[in-house]
Amino acid sequence: MHIAILTFEGFNELDSFIALNILRRVQKPGWRVSLASPASHVRSMNGVVVEAQSTLREACAADAVIVGSGRLTRDVVADPALMAQLQLDPARQLLGAQCSGTLVLARLGLLDGLPACTDLTTRPWVQDAGIEVLDRPFVAKGNVATAGGCLAAQYLAAWMIARLEGDEAARGALHYVAPVGEKEAYVERAMRNIAPFLARQPMTA
């Protein structure tokens, strides 16, 4: 099972790293989570340089993909060569997008007919792409999910874990990262946000 988090130049550390950390709480043989980038190294919006763990080609073959956000996302969607590399398919993959990553899915035509969530800055750009934007942190339909707000990354990660490994695995991952003294309330709130979108049976490797 490979989950790739698309991480471009100017990426938002919270979006990529929170999802990465929560997803890696699943301790199962063959469970792999990677930061996938178009270059060997990318620099975050705050100057943190990270090494890519997988390529965009590997990400396109992954079982699940999260499109992270960043301050240069409009440059990403304006680059035909880069966008052409993103051969994503909700018929065979779980797809998620965080904040401005929603714009990437919109430009790829993967949100046609679907409402979406995004951050306040990206909202008008996604609307300009013809997508209805909801005033909520998370929404999913079928195999496509979007989240708005940096700390909504937990919902994307939990949704993917629940779809791939079941609710208890998602609860366990969230419980690990939740603040001490607030764990039960934190987990219940997160699960309430994703529960309406878990009607389909979990995907299995």
C-alpha atoms as a PDB file:
ATOM      1  CA  MET A   1       0.000   0.000   0.000  1.00  0.00           C
ATOM      2  CA  HIS A   2       1.573   3.255  -1.122  1.00  0.00           C
ATOM      3  CA  ILE A   3       0.182   6.663  -0.195  1.00  0.00           C
ATOM      4  CA  ALA A   4       1.912   9.598  -1.884  1.00  0.00           C
ATOM      5  CA  ILE A   5       1.688  13.211  -0.754  1.00  0.00           C
ATOM      6  CA  LEU A   6       2.366  15.538  -3.672  1.00  0.00           C
ATOM      7  CA  THR A   7       4.725  18.196  -2.359  1.00  0.00           C
ATOM      8  CA  PHE A   8       5.725  21.029  -4.665  1.00  0.00           C
ATOM      9  CA  GLU A   9       8.118  23.963  -4.375  1.00  0.00           C
ATOM     10  CA  GLY A  10       6.763  26.452  -1.845  1.00  0.00           C
ATOM     11  CA  PHE A  11       4.790  23.753  -0.039  1.00  0.00           C
ATOM     12  CA  ASN A  12       2.983  24.279   3.250  1.00  0.00           C
ATOM     13  CA  GLU A  13       4.774  22.248   5.928  1.00  0.00           C
ATOM     14  CA  LEU A  14       1.646  21.727   8.018  1.00  0.00           C
ATOM     15  CA  ASP A  15      -0.311  20.175   5.174  1.00  0.00           C
ATOM     16  CA  SER A  16       2.344  17.721   4.048  1.00  0.00           C
ATOM     17  CA  PHE A  17       3.912  16.845   7.394  1.00  0.00           C
ATOM     18  CA  ILE A  18       0.745  16.443   9.476  1.00  0.00           C
ATOM     19  CA  ALA A  19      -0.746  14.061   6.928  1.00  0.00           C
ATOM     20  CA  LEU A  20       2.557  12.186   6.625  1.00  0.00           C
ATOM     21  CA  ASN A  21       2.893  11.745  10.372  1.00  0.00           C
ATOM     22  CA  ILE A  22      -0.670  10.566  10.970  1.00  0.00           C
ATOM     23  CA  LEU A  23      -0.651   8.205   7.994  1.00  0.00           C
ATOM     24  CA  ARG A  24       2.581   6.631   9.201  1.00  0.00           C
ATOM     25  CA  ARG A  25       0.938   5.730  12.503  1.00  0.00           C
ATOM     26  CA  VAL A  26      -0.400   2.678  10.694  1.00  0.00           C
ATOM     27  CA  GLN A  27       2.174   0.044  11.537  1.00  0.00           C
ATOM     28  CA  LYS A  28       1.581  -2.613   8.926  1.00  0.00           C
ATOM     29  CA  PRO A  29       3.984  -4.457   6.626  1.00  0.00           C
ATOM     30  CA  GLY A  30       3.929  -2.966   3.153  1.00  0.00           C
ATOM     31  CA  TRP A  31       2.329   0.290   4.301  1.00  0.00           C
ATOM     32  CA  ARG A  32       4.330   3.110   2.722  1.00  0.00           C
ATOM     33  CA  VAL A  33       3.779   6.855   2.878  1.00  0.00           C
ATOM     34  CA  SER A  34       6.010   9.190   0.878  1.00  0.00           C
ATOM     35  CA  LEU A  35       6.496  12.805  -0.088  1.00  0.00           C
ATOM     36  CA  ALA A  36       6.406  12.868  -3.882  1.00  0.00           C
ATOM     37  CA  SER A  37       7.907  15.807  -5.739  1.00  0.00           C
ATOM     38  CA  PRO A  38       8.846  16.824  -9.291  1.00  0.00           C
ATOM     39  CA  ALA A  39      12.455  17.447  -8.175  1.00  0.00           C
ATOM     40  CA  SER A  40      14.863  15.668  -5.836  1.00  0.00           C
ATOM     41  CA  HIS A  41      14.549  18.499  -3.302  1.00  0.00           C
ATOM     42  CA  VAL A  42      11.845  21.104  -2.676  1.00  0.00           C
ATOM     43  CA  ARG A  43      11.794  24.143  -0.411  1.00  0.00           C
ATOM     44  CA  SER A  44       8.785  24.952   1.745  1.00  0.00           C
ATOM     45  CA  MET A  45       7.058  28.323   2.007  1.00  0.00           C
ATOM     46  CA  ASN A  46       9.130  28.928   5.144  1.00  0.00           C
ATOM     47  CA  GLY A  47      12.459  27.782   3.734  1.00  0.00           C
ATOM     48  CA  VAL A  48      12.543  24.156   4.922  1.00  0.00           C
ATOM     49  CA  VAL A  49      14.261  21.981   2.321  1.00  0.00           C
ATOM     50  CA  VAL A  50      13.188  18.349   2.099  1.00  0.00           C
ATOM     51  CA  GLU A  51      14.297  15.441  -0.040  1.00  0.00           C
ATOM     52  CA  ALA A  52      11.648  13.763  -2.164  1.00  0.00           C
ATOM     53  CA  GLN A  53      10.910  10.171  -1.211  1.00  0.00           C
ATOM     54  CA  SER A  54       9.213   9.283  -4.473  1.00  0.00           C
ATOM     55  CA  THR A  55       8.681  10.690  -7.951  1.00  0.00           C
ATOM     56  CA  LEU A  56       5.511  11.994  -9.543  1.00  0.00           C
ATOM     57  CA  ARG A  57       5.438   8.872 -11.713  1.00  0.00           C
ATOM     58  CA  GLU A  58       5.491   6.679  -8.607  1.00  0.00           C
ATOM     59  CA  ALA A  59       2.769   8.823  -7.066  1.00  0.00           C
ATOM     60  CA  CYS A  60       0.549   8.341 -10.097  1.00  0.00           C
ATOM     61  CA  ALA A  61       0.824   4.583  -9.588  1.00  0.00           C
ATOM     62  CA  ALA A  62       0.145   4.816  -5.827  1.00  0.00           C
ATOM     63  CA  ASP A  63      -2.960   3.435  -4.146  1.00  0.00           C
ATOM     64  CA  ALA A  64      -3.786   6.842  -2.675  1.00  0.00           C
ATOM     65  CA  VAL A  65      -2.604  10.392  -3.294  1.00  0.00           C
ATOM     66  CA  ILE A  66      -2.899  13.604  -1.315  1.00  0.00           C
ATOM     67  CA  VAL A  67      -2.211  16.818  -3.210  1.00  0.00           C
ATOM     68  CA  GLY A  68      -0.596  19.176  -0.723  1.00  0.00           C
ATOM     69  CA  SER A  69      -0.830  22.932  -0.857  1.00  0.00           C
ATOM     70  CA  GLY A  70       1.628  25.792  -0.989  1.00  0.00           C
ATOM     71  CA  ARG A  71       2.156  29.384  -2.002  1.00  0.00           C
ATOM     72  CA  LEU A  72       3.143  28.452  -5.576  1.00  0.00           C
ATOM     73  CA  THR A  73       0.188  26.230  -6.467  1.00  0.00           C
ATOM     74  CA  ARG A  74      -1.014  28.620  -9.158  1.00  0.00           C
ATOM     75  CA  ASP A  75       2.392  28.252 -10.799  1.00  0.00           C
ATOM     76  CA  VAL A  76       1.932  24.471 -10.674  1.00  0.00           C
ATOM     77  CA  VAL A  77      -1.438  24.547 -12.438  1.00  0.00           C
ATOM     78  CA  ALA A  78      -0.081  27.032 -14.995  1.00  0.00           C
ATOM     79  CA  ASP A  79       2.705  24.618 -15.998  1.00  0.00           C
ATOM     80  CA  PRO A  80       1.338  22.306 -18.744  1.00  0.00           C
ATOM     81  CA  ALA A  81       4.348  19.985 -18.642  1.00  0.00           C
ATOM     82  CA  LEU A  82       4.051  19.508 -14.896  1.00  0.00           C
ATOM     83  CA  MET A  83       0.294  19.025 -14.948  1.00  0.00           C
ATOM     84  CA  ALA A  84       0.610  16.485 -17.755  1.00  0.00           C
ATOM     85  CA  GLN A  85       2.631  14.294 -15.399  1.00  0.00           C
ATOM     86  CA  LEU A  86      -0.249  14.049 -12.936  1.00  0.00           C
ATOM     87  CA  GLN A  87      -2.100  11.037 -14.252  1.00  0.00           C
ATOM     88  CA  LEU A  88      -4.448  10.540 -11.322  1.00  0.00           C
ATOM     89  CA  ASP A  89      -7.559   8.354 -11.486  1.00  0.00           C
ATOM     90  CA  PRO A  90     -10.255   8.091  -8.784  1.00  0.00           C
ATOM     91  CA  ALA A  91     -11.414   4.828 -10.336  1.00  0.00           C
ATOM     92  CA  ARG A  92      -8.272   3.136  -9.017  1.00  0.00           C
ATOM     93  CA  GLN A  93      -6.989   5.545  -6.358  1.00  0.00           C
ATOM     94  CA  LEU A  94      -8.138   7.393  -3.291  1.00  0.00           C
ATOM     95  CA  LEU A  95      -7.515  11.067  -3.991  1.00  0.00           C
ATOM     96  CA  GLY A  96      -7.357  13.883  -1.471  1.00  0.00           C
ATOM     97  CA  ALA A  97      -6.439  17.540  -1.729  1.00  0.00           C
ATOM     98  CA  GLN A  98      -5.473  19.998   0.972  1.00  0.00           C
ATOM     99  CA  CYS A  99      -6.246  23.720   0.636  1.00  0.00           C
ATOM    100  CA  SER A 100      -4.740  24.959  -2.645  1.00  0.00           C
ATOM    101  CA  GLY A 101      -4.201  21.335  -3.687  1.00  0.00           C
ATOM    102  CA  THR A 102      -7.928  21.442  -4.429  1.00  0.00           C
ATOM    103  CA  LEU A 103      -7.115  23.777  -7.316  1.00  0.00           C
ATOM    104  CA  VAL A 104      -4.877  21.083  -8.804  1.00  0.00           C
ATOM    105  CA  LEU A 105      -7.675  18.506  -8.744  1.00  0.00           C
ATOM    106  CA  ALA A 106     -10.046  21.082 -10.208  1.00  0.00           C
ATOM    107  CA  ARG A 107      -7.717  21.882 -13.101  1.00  0.00           C
ATOM    108  CA  LEU A 108      -7.248  18.160 -13.748  1.00  0.00           C
ATOM    109  CA  GLY A 109     -11.020  17.839 -14.152  1.00  0.00           C
ATOM    110  CA  LEU A 110     -11.306  15.526 -11.151  1.00  0.00           C
ATOM    111  CA  LEU A 111     -13.812  17.691  -9.275  1.00  0.00           C
ATOM    112  CA  ASP A 112     -16.330  18.140 -12.076  1.00  0.00           C
ATOM    113  CA  GLY A 113     -19.774  17.998 -10.495  1.00  0.00           C
ATOM    114  CA  LEU A 114     -18.352  17.689  -6.976  1.00  0.00           C
ATOM    115  CA  PRO A 115     -18.401  20.319  -4.223  1.00  0.00           C
ATOM    116  CA  ALA A 116     -15.059  20.931  -2.566  1.00  0.00           C
ATOM    117  CA  CYS A 117     -13.308  22.426   0.437  1.00  0.00           C
ATOM    118  CA  THR A 118     -10.287  24.698   0.375  1.00  0.00           C
ATOM    119  CA  ASP A 119      -8.664  27.533   2.316  1.00  0.00           C
ATOM    120  CA  LEU A 120      -9.960  31.090   2.229  1.00  0.00           C
ATOM    121  CA  THR A 121      -7.165  32.371  -0.023  1.00  0.00           C
ATOM    122  CA  THR A 122      -7.668  29.659  -2.637  1.00  0.00           C
ATOM    123  CA  ARG A 123     -11.466  29.760  -2.533  1.00  0.00           C
ATOM    124  CA  PRO A 124     -11.978  32.318  -5.356  1.00  0.00           C
ATOM    125  CA  TRP A 125      -9.522  30.503  -7.635  1.00  0.00           C
ATOM    126  CA  VAL A 126     -11.349  27.198  -7.163  1.00  0.00           C
ATOM    127  CA  GLN A 127     -14.675  28.925  -7.739  1.00  0.00           C
ATOM    128  CA  ASP A 128     -13.284  30.471 -10.911  1.00  0.00           C
ATOM    129  CA  ALA A 129     -12.558  26.910 -12.047  1.00  0.00           C
ATOM    130  CA  GLY A 130     -16.306  26.227 -11.794  1.00  0.00           C
ATOM    131  CA  ILE A 131     -16.262  24.309  -8.511  1.00  0.00           C
ATOM    132  CA  GLU A 132     -18.712  24.915  -5.658  1.00  0.00           C
ATOM    133  CA  VAL A 133     -16.743  25.588  -2.472  1.00  0.00           C
ATOM    134  CA  LEU A 134     -18.277  24.583   0.853  1.00  0.00           C
ATOM    135  CA  ASP A 135     -17.822  26.433   4.133  1.00  0.00           C
ATOM    136  CA  ARG A 136     -16.616  23.364   6.004  1.00  0.00           C
ATOM    137  CA  PRO A 137     -13.291  21.622   6.739  1.00  0.00           C
ATOM    138  CA  PHE A 138     -13.814  18.363   4.885  1.00  0.00           C
ATOM    139  CA  VAL A 139     -15.946  16.741   2.235  1.00  0.00           C
ATOM    140  CA  ALA A 140     -15.676  13.559   0.204  1.00  0.00           C
ATOM    141  CA  LYS A 141     -17.619  11.782  -2.478  1.00  0.00           C
ATOM    142  CA  GLY A 142     -16.621   8.340  -3.616  1.00  0.00           C
ATOM    143  CA  ASN A 143     -12.850   8.192  -3.799  1.00  0.00           C
ATOM    144  CA  VAL A 144     -12.236  11.958  -3.857  1.00  0.00           C
ATOM    145  CA  ALA A 145     -11.868  14.131  -0.752  1.00  0.00           C
ATOM    146  CA  THR A 146     -10.890  17.752  -0.137  1.00  0.00           C
ATOM    147  CA  ALA A 147     -10.040  19.654   3.021  1.00  0.00           C
ATOM    148  CA  GLY A 148      -9.779  23.347   3.865  1.00  0.00           C
ATOM    149  CA  GLY A 149      -7.481  24.842   6.469  1.00  0.00           C
ATOM    150  CA  CYS A 150      -4.010  23.604   7.443  1.00  0.00           C
ATOM    151  CA  LEU A 151      -5.204  21.693  10.492  1.00  0.00           C
ATOM    152  CA  ALA A 152      -7.854  19.908   8.426  1.00  0.00           C
ATOM    153  CA  ALA A 153      -5.004  17.674   7.246  1.00  0.00           C
ATOM    154  CA  GLN A 154      -5.944  15.356  10.107  1.00  0.00           C
ATOM    155  CA  TYR A 155      -9.306  14.723   8.459  1.00  0.00           C
ATOM    156  CA  LEU A 156      -7.785  13.808   5.114  1.00  0.00           C
ATOM    157  CA  ALA A 157      -5.337  11.424   6.777  1.00  0.00           C
ATOM    158  CA  ALA A 158      -8.004   9.845   8.991  1.00  0.00           C
ATOM    159  CA  TRP A 159     -10.373   9.432   6.034  1.00  0.00           C
ATOM    160  CA  MET A 160      -7.696   7.660   4.025  1.00  0.00           C
ATOM    161  CA  ILE A 161      -6.789   5.356   6.900  1.00  0.00           C
ATOM    162  CA  ALA A 162     -10.447   4.541   7.537  1.00  0.00           C
ATOM    163  CA  ARG A 163     -11.031   3.791   3.867  1.00  0.00           C
ATOM    164  CA  LEU A 164      -7.909   1.646   3.594  1.00  0.00           C
ATOM    165  CA  GLU A 165      -7.731  -0.017   7.012  1.00  0.00           C
ATOM    166  CA  GLY A 166     -10.999   0.681   8.801  1.00  0.00           C
ATOM    167  CA  ASP A 167     -12.345   3.015  11.487  1.00  0.00           C
ATOM    168  CA  GLU A 168     -10.360   1.550  14.377  1.00  0.00           C
ATOM    169  CA  ALA A 169      -7.068   2.139  12.589  1.00  0.00           C
ATOM    170  CA  ALA A 170      -8.084   5.754  11.969  1.00  0.00           C
ATOM    171  CA  ARG A 171      -9.072   6.201  15.605  1.00  0.00           C
ATOM    172  CA  GLY A 172      -5.778   4.756  16.760  1.00  0.00           C
ATOM    173  CA  ALA A 173      -3.724   7.073  14.574  1.00  0.00           C
ATOM    174  CA  LEU A 174      -5.667  10.122  15.711  1.00  0.00           C
ATOM    175  CA  HIS A 175      -5.483   9.093  19.371  1.00  0.00           C
ATOM    176  CA  TYR A 176      -1.684   8.936  19.160  1.00  0.00           C
ATOM    177  CA  VAL A 177      -1.309  12.522  17.934  1.00  0.00           C
ATOM    178  CA  ALA A 178      -4.140  14.090  19.952  1.00  0.00           C
ATOM    179  CA  PRO A 179      -3.283  16.395  22.878  1.00  0.00           C
ATOM    180  CA  VAL A 180      -3.048  14.698  26.269  1.00  0.00           C
ATOM    181  CA  GLY A 181      -6.195  15.253  28.288  1.00  0.00           C
ATOM    182  CA  GLU A 182      -8.213  15.836  25.124  1.00  0.00           C
ATOM    183  CA  LYS A 183      -7.672  12.582  23.265  1.00  0.00           C
ATOM    184  CA  GLU A 184     -11.181  11.144  23.397  1.00  0.00           C
ATOM    185  CA  ALA A 185     -12.850  14.433  22.488  1.00  0.00           C
ATOM    186  CA  TYR A 186     -10.305  15.068  19.719  1.00  0.00           C
ATOM    187  CA  VAL A 187     -10.817  11.645  18.159  1.00  0.00           C
ATOM    188  CA  GLU A 188     -14.604  11.846  18.354  1.00  0.00           C
ATOM    189  CA  ARG A 189     -14.670  15.267  16.728  1.00  0.00           C
ATOM    190  CA  ALA A 190     -12.418  14.133  13.891  1.00  0.00           C
ATOM    191  CA  MET A 191     -14.413  10.975  13.291  1.00  0.00           C
ATOM    192  CA  ARG A 192     -17.674  12.951  13.230  1.00  0.00           C
ATOM    193  CA  ASN A 193     -16.246  15.036  10.407  1.00  0.00           C
ATOM    194  CA  ILE A 194     -15.365  12.047   8.250  1.00  0.00           C
ATOM    195  CA  ALA A 195     -18.045   9.535   9.279  1.00  0.00           C
ATOM    196  CA  PRO A 196     -20.685  10.717   6.754  1.00  0.00           C
ATOM    197  CA  PHE A 197     -18.235   9.960   3.961  1.00  0.00           C
ATOM    198  CA  LEU A 198     -17.306   6.398   4.969  1.00  0.00           C
ATOM    199  CA  ALA A 199     -20.406   4.624   3.688  1.00  0.00           C
ATOM    200  CA  ARG A 200     -18.406   2.654   1.120  1.00  0.00           C
ATOM    201  CA  GLN A 201     -16.506  -0.423   2.185  1.00  0.00           C
ATOM    202  CA  PRO A 202     -12.827   0.158   3.027  1.00  0.00           C
ATOM    203  CA  MET A 203     -10.429  -0.385   0.157  1.00  0.00           C
ATOM    204  CA  THR A 204      -7.930  -3.187   0.676  1.00  0.00           C
ATOM    205  CA  ALA A 205      -4.486  -3.790  -0.743  1.00  0.00           C
END
